[in-house]
Amino acid sequence: MALCSRSMASRDVRNFQSVSIRRSSPNILLQSCLPRRKQTSRPCWRISRGPKLAIGVDRLEYTKGIDKRVEAFNHVLAAEPGSISLLQIAPSSRADIEEYQKYKADVEKAIDRVNAEHGTDEWNPIHYKNDSFSQAALARLYRAAHVGVVTPLADGMNLVAKEYVAAQDPAEPGVLILSKFAGAAEDFDEDEALLVDPNRPEEIAAAISEAAKMPCDERKKRWRSMMDKLEAYTIHDWAADYLAKLDDSRITLPADHFPYLGLGWTNEAQMPLYPNYAEAAAAYAEADPADVELKEAAYANLKAAFDAIAGPLEHTQDRLWVLPTNGADQMGRVPEGSIEQ
């Protein structure tokens, strides 16, 4: 089995500053990787002594599962004292909301308990920073960490997972632990990241232990596969695909309806129903108001045609297209005082 080199050559990574660093304790790292407002241009040097280092970077909110992560590290340290440190960077989110304030207090108490139980006078297992770091500083810290822990309870893509992978040293990459419920888990499979249920601290703990002990060859294989995916599908590819999807959803409306574009949402799947609505609206407008039965029947047809268009769109942020015809409102009813009344 090939041995991992302990030297770190500088390497340009997409959107990350080139770094030249060696692994060290979180305290040494943080002395030179300061928050944005205090940051200098010094590189983030590290040494190879001390326990393994894991990193988590999240907004401080309940969906990120930081409390479960802290509990998981408590399990690891109970079974393997002094084996690993966690650097948890968690800038506040929605700090003016009481529930978020309570969550912040709960997380900080949990961290204090773990440090009190497993730390020493010279070492704390969890280093917590309630502050923002620049992208360059984060790149250095990602590269320094043996383990990247991304365990939200539910999330979108979660670019932290991809940033961690992109910042790794090819000669000695770290291991990504990833929630099954993060969007990035759709890109990185179980042969690449260690996928976990973020609601189960014991499962996260087992993954942390496995990651910290993983042989170099396996780490390289997992990392190389993830990096190939990142390099094959960049932000430019994503943007092109996104714009192509927007083109696919283009619709054509009568010219006299153009002022109403942007008032809601629709797509071409629903638009074949629009002629039915326009026909029903015209019939309602032409119906003789003196013929009450005919007018009511025309209105019922108009309502059914409108509901057919509106129904599939109700989930889109409670906004609908307004498609009036000949001065009628969105249900086709002519307002009082209209010349068509």
Protein backbone atom coordinates (compact mmCIF):
# COMPACT_ATOMS: atom_id res chain seq x y z
CA MET A 1 0.00 0.00 0.00
CA ALA A 2 1.33 3.40 -0.97
CA LEU A 3 2.00 5.79 1.87
CA CYS A 4 0.42 9.25 1.91
CA SER A 5 2.93 12.03 1.59
CA ARG A 6 2.90 14.48 4.50
CA SER A 7 4.17 17.34 2.34
CA MET A 8 1.57 19.60 0.75
CA ALA A 9 2.28 21.15 -2.63
CA SER A 10 0.41 24.31 -3.59
CA ARG A 11 -2.51 23.65 -5.91
CA ASP A 12 -5.05 25.94 -7.58
CA VAL A 13 -8.58 24.70 -6.92
CA ARG A 14 -11.65 26.20 -8.56
CA ASN A 15 -12.59 29.42 -6.77
CA PHE A 16 -10.16 28.63 -3.92
CA GLN A 17 -6.89 30.33 -3.24
CA SER A 18 -3.82 28.18 -3.71
CA VAL A 19 -2.56 26.99 -0.34
CA SER A 20 0.60 25.42 1.05
CA ILE A 21 -0.09 23.93 4.47
CA ARG A 22 0.41 20.99 6.79
CA ARG A 23 -2.03 19.56 9.30
CA SER A 24 -2.07 20.97 12.82
CA SER A 25 -4.25 21.58 15.83
CA PRO A 26 -7.31 23.87 15.49
CA ASN A 27 -5.73 26.47 17.78
CA ILE A 28 -2.70 26.89 15.53
CA LEU A 29 -4.93 27.00 12.45
CA LEU A 30 -7.22 29.64 13.88
CA GLN A 31 -4.36 31.91 14.87
CA SER A 32 -3.61 32.50 11.19
CA CYS A 33 -7.07 31.86 9.71
CA LEU A 34 -8.83 34.78 11.37
CA PRO A 35 -12.38 35.99 10.73
CA ARG A 36 -12.84 38.23 7.73
CA ARG A 37 -12.65 41.51 9.61
CA LYS A 38 -9.27 40.60 11.16
CA GLN A 39 -7.75 38.55 8.39
CA THR A 40 -4.18 38.93 7.21
CA SER A 41 -2.56 37.50 4.10
CA ARG A 42 -0.50 34.99 6.04
CA PRO A 43 -0.85 31.34 4.96
CA CYS A 44 -2.47 28.94 7.38
CA TRP A 45 0.50 26.78 8.38
CA ARG A 46 -0.05 23.56 10.27
CA ILE A 47 2.03 20.82 11.85
CA SER A 48 1.44 17.07 11.98
CA ARG A 49 1.19 16.63 15.74
CA GLY A 50 -2.02 16.22 17.76
CA PRO A 51 -5.34 14.46 17.14
CA LYS A 52 -7.12 14.28 13.82
CA LEU A 53 -9.11 17.34 12.83
CA ALA A 54 -12.71 17.46 11.55
CA ILE A 55 -14.47 20.58 10.30
CA GLY A 56 -18.08 21.68 10.08
CA VAL A 57 -19.17 24.94 8.44
CA ASP A 58 -22.84 25.85 8.74
CA ARG A 59 -25.21 28.67 9.50
CA LEU A 60 -26.29 28.39 13.12
CA GLU A 61 -29.79 27.05 12.66
CA TYR A 62 -31.68 23.90 13.56
CA THR A 63 -31.87 22.48 10.01
CA LYS A 64 -28.08 22.08 9.96
CA GLY A 65 -28.10 19.42 12.69
CA ILE A 66 -25.19 20.89 14.63
CA ASP A 67 -26.59 19.65 17.95
CA LYS A 68 -26.72 16.08 16.61
CA ARG A 69 -23.16 16.47 15.32
CA VAL A 70 -21.90 17.57 18.74
CA GLU A 71 -23.64 14.57 20.30
CA ALA A 72 -21.94 12.32 17.75
CA PHE A 73 -18.50 13.69 18.69
CA ASN A 74 -19.36 13.03 22.31
CA HIS A 75 -19.88 9.35 21.41
CA VAL A 76 -16.57 9.21 19.53
CA LEU A 77 -14.59 10.81 22.34
CA ALA A 78 -16.18 8.52 24.93
CA ALA A 79 -15.06 5.47 22.94
CA GLU A 80 -11.73 6.89 21.71
CA PRO A 81 -10.53 9.65 24.09
CA GLY A 82 -8.43 12.37 22.50
CA SER A 83 -8.72 10.88 19.03
CA ILE A 84 -10.19 13.81 17.13
CA SER A 85 -11.04 17.52 17.32
CA LEU A 86 -13.93 19.33 15.70
CA LEU A 87 -13.62 22.86 14.39
CA GLN A 88 -17.22 24.07 14.13
CA ILE A 89 -17.69 27.38 12.31
CA ALA A 90 -21.26 28.56 12.73
CA PRO A 91 -22.12 32.21 12.05
CA SER A 92 -25.46 33.27 13.48
CA SER A 93 -28.60 33.12 11.38
CA ARG A 94 -31.83 35.05 12.09
CA ALA A 95 -30.33 36.11 15.41
CA ASP A 96 -33.32 38.28 16.25
CA ILE A 97 -35.71 35.30 16.34
CA GLU A 98 -36.22 33.75 19.77
CA GLU A 99 -36.19 30.12 18.60
CA TYR A 100 -32.86 30.65 16.87
CA GLN A 101 -31.46 32.30 19.98
CA LYS A 102 -32.55 29.26 21.99
CA TYR A 103 -30.98 26.87 19.50
CA LYS A 104 -27.71 28.81 19.66
CA ALA A 105 -27.73 28.59 23.47
CA ASP A 106 -28.48 24.85 23.35
CA VAL A 107 -25.63 24.18 20.91
CA GLU A 108 -23.14 26.19 22.95
CA LYS A 109 -24.16 24.40 26.17
CA ALA A 110 -23.71 21.04 24.47
CA ILE A 111 -20.25 22.04 23.26
CA ASP A 112 -19.31 23.21 26.76
CA ARG A 113 -20.44 19.86 28.20
CA VAL A 114 -18.36 17.87 25.72
CA ASN A 115 -15.29 20.02 26.34
CA ALA A 116 -15.73 19.76 30.11
CA GLU A 117 -16.09 15.98 29.97
CA HIS A 118 -13.41 15.12 27.41
CA GLY A 119 -11.05 18.10 27.34
CA THR A 120 -7.95 18.83 29.36
CA ASP A 121 -6.28 21.98 30.62
CA GLU A 122 -4.33 22.09 27.36
CA TRP A 123 -6.83 20.77 24.84
CA ASN A 124 -10.51 21.14 23.95
CA PRO A 125 -12.02 18.61 21.55
CA ILE A 126 -14.52 21.08 20.03
CA HIS A 127 -13.44 24.52 18.84
CA TYR A 128 -16.48 26.69 18.16
CA LYS A 129 -16.39 29.93 16.16
CA ASN A 130 -19.61 31.95 15.92
CA ASP A 131 -18.18 34.12 13.15
CA SER A 132 -17.80 34.39 9.38
CA PHE A 133 -14.60 33.47 7.54
CA SER A 134 -13.49 34.49 4.06
CA GLN A 135 -13.50 31.95 1.25
CA ALA A 136 -9.69 31.90 1.23
CA ALA A 137 -9.53 31.13 4.95
CA LEU A 138 -12.19 28.44 4.62
CA ALA A 139 -10.24 26.83 1.78
CA ARG A 140 -7.19 26.56 4.05
CA LEU A 141 -9.23 25.10 6.88
CA TYR A 142 -11.01 22.61 4.60
CA ARG A 143 -7.62 21.46 3.32
CA ALA A 144 -6.28 21.16 6.86
CA ALA A 145 -9.11 18.92 8.06
CA HIS A 146 -8.86 15.14 7.88
CA VAL A 147 -12.68 14.90 7.94
CA GLY A 148 -15.39 17.18 6.56
CA VAL A 149 -18.71 16.81 8.38
CA VAL A 150 -21.79 18.00 6.46
CA THR A 151 -24.83 16.61 8.26
CA PRO A 152 -27.88 18.86 7.80
CA LEU A 153 -31.28 17.40 8.69
CA ALA A 154 -32.54 18.70 5.35
CA ASP A 155 -30.83 20.93 2.83
CA GLY A 156 -30.55 22.04 -0.75
CA MET A 157 -27.30 21.40 -2.58
CA ASN A 158 -25.07 22.35 0.36
CA LEU A 159 -22.01 23.66 -1.44
CA VAL A 160 -19.85 23.24 1.69
CA ALA A 161 -19.60 19.55 0.80
CA LYS A 162 -18.26 20.36 -2.66
CA GLU A 163 -15.98 23.11 -1.38
CA TYR A 164 -14.44 20.66 1.08
CA VAL A 165 -13.75 18.16 -1.71
CA ALA A 166 -12.34 20.84 -4.04
CA ALA A 167 -9.91 22.11 -1.39
CA GLN A 168 -8.28 18.75 -0.65
CA ASP A 169 -4.68 17.83 -1.37
CA PRO A 170 -4.58 15.05 -4.01
CA ALA A 171 -1.67 13.38 -2.21
CA GLU A 172 -3.47 13.21 1.12
CA PRO A 173 -7.19 13.96 0.80
CA GLY A 174 -9.63 14.03 3.67
CA VAL A 175 -12.91 12.15 3.95
CA LEU A 176 -16.36 13.67 3.46
CA ILE A 177 -19.17 12.64 5.81
CA LEU A 178 -22.44 13.67 4.18
CA SER A 179 -26.08 13.67 5.19
CA LYS A 180 -28.33 11.52 3.03
CA PHE A 181 -30.75 14.44 3.04
CA ALA A 182 -28.40 17.05 1.55
CA GLY A 183 -28.73 17.73 -2.15
CA ALA A 184 -25.04 16.92 -2.63
CA ALA A 185 -25.85 13.30 -1.72
CA GLU A 186 -27.51 13.03 -5.14
CA ASP A 187 -24.10 13.64 -6.69
CA PHE A 188 -21.82 11.79 -4.27
CA ASP A 189 -22.69 8.14 -3.66
CA GLU A 190 -21.74 5.79 -0.82
CA ASP A 191 -18.53 4.75 -2.60
CA GLU A 192 -17.36 8.37 -2.44
CA ALA A 193 -18.72 10.08 0.68
CA LEU A 194 -19.69 8.37 3.92
CA LEU A 195 -23.47 8.85 3.80
CA VAL A 196 -25.28 9.06 7.15
CA ASP A 197 -28.70 9.68 8.66
CA PRO A 198 -28.21 13.08 10.35
CA ASN A 199 -30.90 12.30 12.92
CA ARG A 200 -28.82 9.44 14.37
CA PRO A 201 -25.75 10.67 16.30
CA GLU A 202 -24.48 7.11 16.77
CA GLU A 203 -24.41 6.65 12.98
CA ILE A 204 -22.53 9.92 12.52
CA ALA A 205 -20.10 8.84 15.27
CA ALA A 206 -19.37 5.55 13.50
CA ALA A 207 -18.68 7.44 10.26
CA ILE A 208 -16.35 9.88 12.04
CA SER A 209 -14.36 7.01 13.50
CA GLU A 210 -14.22 5.25 10.13
CA ALA A 211 -13.12 8.42 8.36
CA ALA A 212 -10.36 9.16 10.85
CA LYS A 213 -8.92 5.66 10.39
CA MET A 214 -9.47 5.30 6.64
CA PRO A 215 -6.35 4.14 4.72
CA CYS A 216 -4.76 6.54 2.30
CA ASP A 217 -5.51 4.53 -0.84
CA GLU A 218 -9.21 4.41 -0.07
CA ARG A 219 -9.31 8.12 0.72
CA LYS A 220 -7.63 8.88 -2.60
CA LYS A 221 -10.05 6.67 -4.52
CA ARG A 222 -13.11 8.26 -2.93
CA TRP A 223 -11.78 11.79 -3.36
CA ARG A 224 -10.70 11.28 -6.98
CA SER A 225 -14.17 10.07 -7.94
CA MET A 226 -15.85 13.09 -6.33
CA MET A 227 -13.34 15.52 -7.82
CA ASP A 228 -13.88 14.09 -11.29
CA LYS A 229 -17.56 14.89 -10.96
CA LEU A 230 -16.85 18.44 -9.78
CA GLU A 231 -14.47 19.07 -12.67
CA ALA A 232 -16.85 17.55 -15.21
CA TYR A 233 -19.85 19.67 -14.17
CA THR A 234 -18.85 23.19 -13.16
CA ILE A 235 -20.95 26.23 -12.23
CA HIS A 236 -20.80 27.22 -15.91
CA ASP A 237 -22.37 23.89 -16.93
CA TRP A 238 -25.04 24.31 -14.26
CA ALA A 239 -25.86 27.85 -15.43
CA ALA A 240 -26.14 26.71 -19.05
CA ASP A 241 -28.49 23.88 -18.09
CA TYR A 242 -30.57 26.23 -15.94
CA LEU A 243 -30.99 28.73 -18.76
CA ALA A 244 -31.84 25.91 -21.18
CA LYS A 245 -34.63 24.78 -18.86
CA LEU A 246 -35.94 28.35 -18.77
CA ASP A 247 -36.00 28.35 -22.57
CA ASP A 248 -37.94 25.07 -22.55
CA SER A 249 -40.63 26.67 -20.37
CA ARG A 250 -41.26 29.66 -22.64
CA ILE A 251 -44.87 30.28 -23.57
CA THR A 252 -46.73 32.37 -26.11
CA LEU A 253 -49.61 34.59 -25.06
CA PRO A 254 -51.77 36.94 -27.10
CA ALA A 255 -50.16 40.36 -27.50
CA ASP A 256 -52.92 42.09 -25.55
CA HIS A 257 -52.05 39.96 -22.51
CA PHE A 258 -48.37 40.92 -22.45
CA PRO A 259 -48.81 43.50 -19.62
CA TYR A 260 -49.84 40.66 -17.32
CA LEU A 261 -46.62 38.68 -17.71
CA GLY A 262 -44.73 38.44 -14.43
CA LEU A 263 -47.77 38.50 -12.17
CA GLY A 264 -47.52 34.79 -11.47
CA TRP A 265 -46.21 31.47 -12.63
CA THR A 266 -47.10 28.94 -15.33
CA ASN A 267 -45.42 26.74 -17.90
CA GLU A 268 -46.17 25.27 -21.27
CA ALA A 269 -47.65 22.10 -19.70
CA GLN A 270 -50.64 24.09 -18.55
CA MET A 271 -50.93 26.47 -21.51
CA PRO A 272 -52.78 24.07 -23.85
CA LEU A 273 -55.72 24.67 -21.50
CA TYR A 274 -55.64 28.40 -22.13
CA PRO A 275 -57.72 28.31 -25.37
CA ASN A 276 -60.50 26.60 -23.42
CA TYR A 277 -60.42 29.42 -20.88
CA ALA A 278 -60.35 32.13 -23.58
CA GLU A 279 -63.29 30.53 -25.38
CA ALA A 280 -65.29 30.25 -22.17
CA ALA A 281 -64.48 33.87 -21.25
CA ALA A 282 -65.63 35.08 -24.67
CA ALA A 283 -68.85 33.09 -24.40
CA TYR A 284 -69.52 34.53 -20.97
CA ALA A 285 -68.89 38.07 -22.23
CA GLU A 286 -71.25 37.55 -25.19
CA ALA A 287 -74.05 35.94 -23.18
CA ASP A 288 -77.14 38.12 -22.87
CA PRO A 289 -77.41 39.33 -19.24
CA ALA A 290 -81.19 39.17 -19.61
CA ASP A 291 -80.96 35.40 -20.05
CA VAL A 292 -80.04 34.57 -16.46
CA GLU A 293 -79.89 30.82 -16.99
CA LEU A 294 -77.60 31.15 -20.00
CA LYS A 295 -75.38 33.67 -18.20
CA GLU A 296 -75.03 31.40 -15.16
CA ALA A 297 -74.22 28.40 -17.35
CA ALA A 298 -71.58 30.43 -19.21
CA TYR A 299 -70.07 31.54 -15.91
CA ALA A 300 -69.95 27.93 -14.65
CA ASN A 301 -68.07 26.93 -17.80
CA LEU A 302 -65.71 29.86 -17.36
CA LYS A 303 -65.00 28.95 -13.73
CA ALA A 304 -64.30 25.33 -14.66
CA ALA A 305 -61.89 26.43 -17.41
CA PHE A 306 -60.09 28.81 -15.03
CA ASP A 307 -59.84 26.18 -12.28
CA ALA A 308 -58.31 23.76 -14.80
CA ILE A 309 -55.49 26.25 -15.41
CA ALA A 310 -55.13 27.45 -11.82
CA GLY A 311 -55.28 24.10 -10.03
CA PRO A 312 -51.88 22.73 -11.10
CA LEU A 313 -50.23 26.06 -10.24
CA GLU A 314 -51.44 26.48 -6.67
CA HIS A 315 -48.14 25.21 -5.25
CA THR A 316 -46.10 27.93 -6.92
CA GLN A 317 -45.76 30.43 -4.10
CA ASP A 318 -49.52 31.12 -4.10
CA ARG A 319 -49.23 33.15 -7.30
CA LEU A 320 -51.18 32.53 -10.50
CA TRP A 321 -51.21 33.96 -13.96
CA VAL A 322 -54.01 36.47 -14.44
CA LEU A 323 -55.43 35.94 -17.90
CA PRO A 324 -58.25 38.47 -18.43
CA THR A 325 -60.15 38.69 -21.71
CA ASN A 326 -61.93 41.72 -23.15
CA GLY A 327 -61.91 43.73 -19.93
CA ALA A 328 -63.10 40.82 -17.75
CA ASP A 329 -61.44 40.06 -14.42
CA GLN A 330 -59.49 36.83 -13.84
CA MET A 331 -62.79 34.95 -13.48
CA GLY A 332 -64.11 36.60 -16.62
CA ARG A 333 -66.62 38.82 -14.79
CA VAL A 334 -66.96 42.30 -16.31
CA PRO A 335 -66.56 45.01 -13.66
CA GLU A 336 -69.39 47.39 -13.01
CA GLY A 337 -69.24 50.47 -15.22
CA SER A 338 -67.43 48.61 -18.00
CA ILE A 339 -68.48 49.43 -21.53
CA GLU A 340 -69.14 45.70 -21.95
CA GLN A 341 -71.55 45.52 -19.01
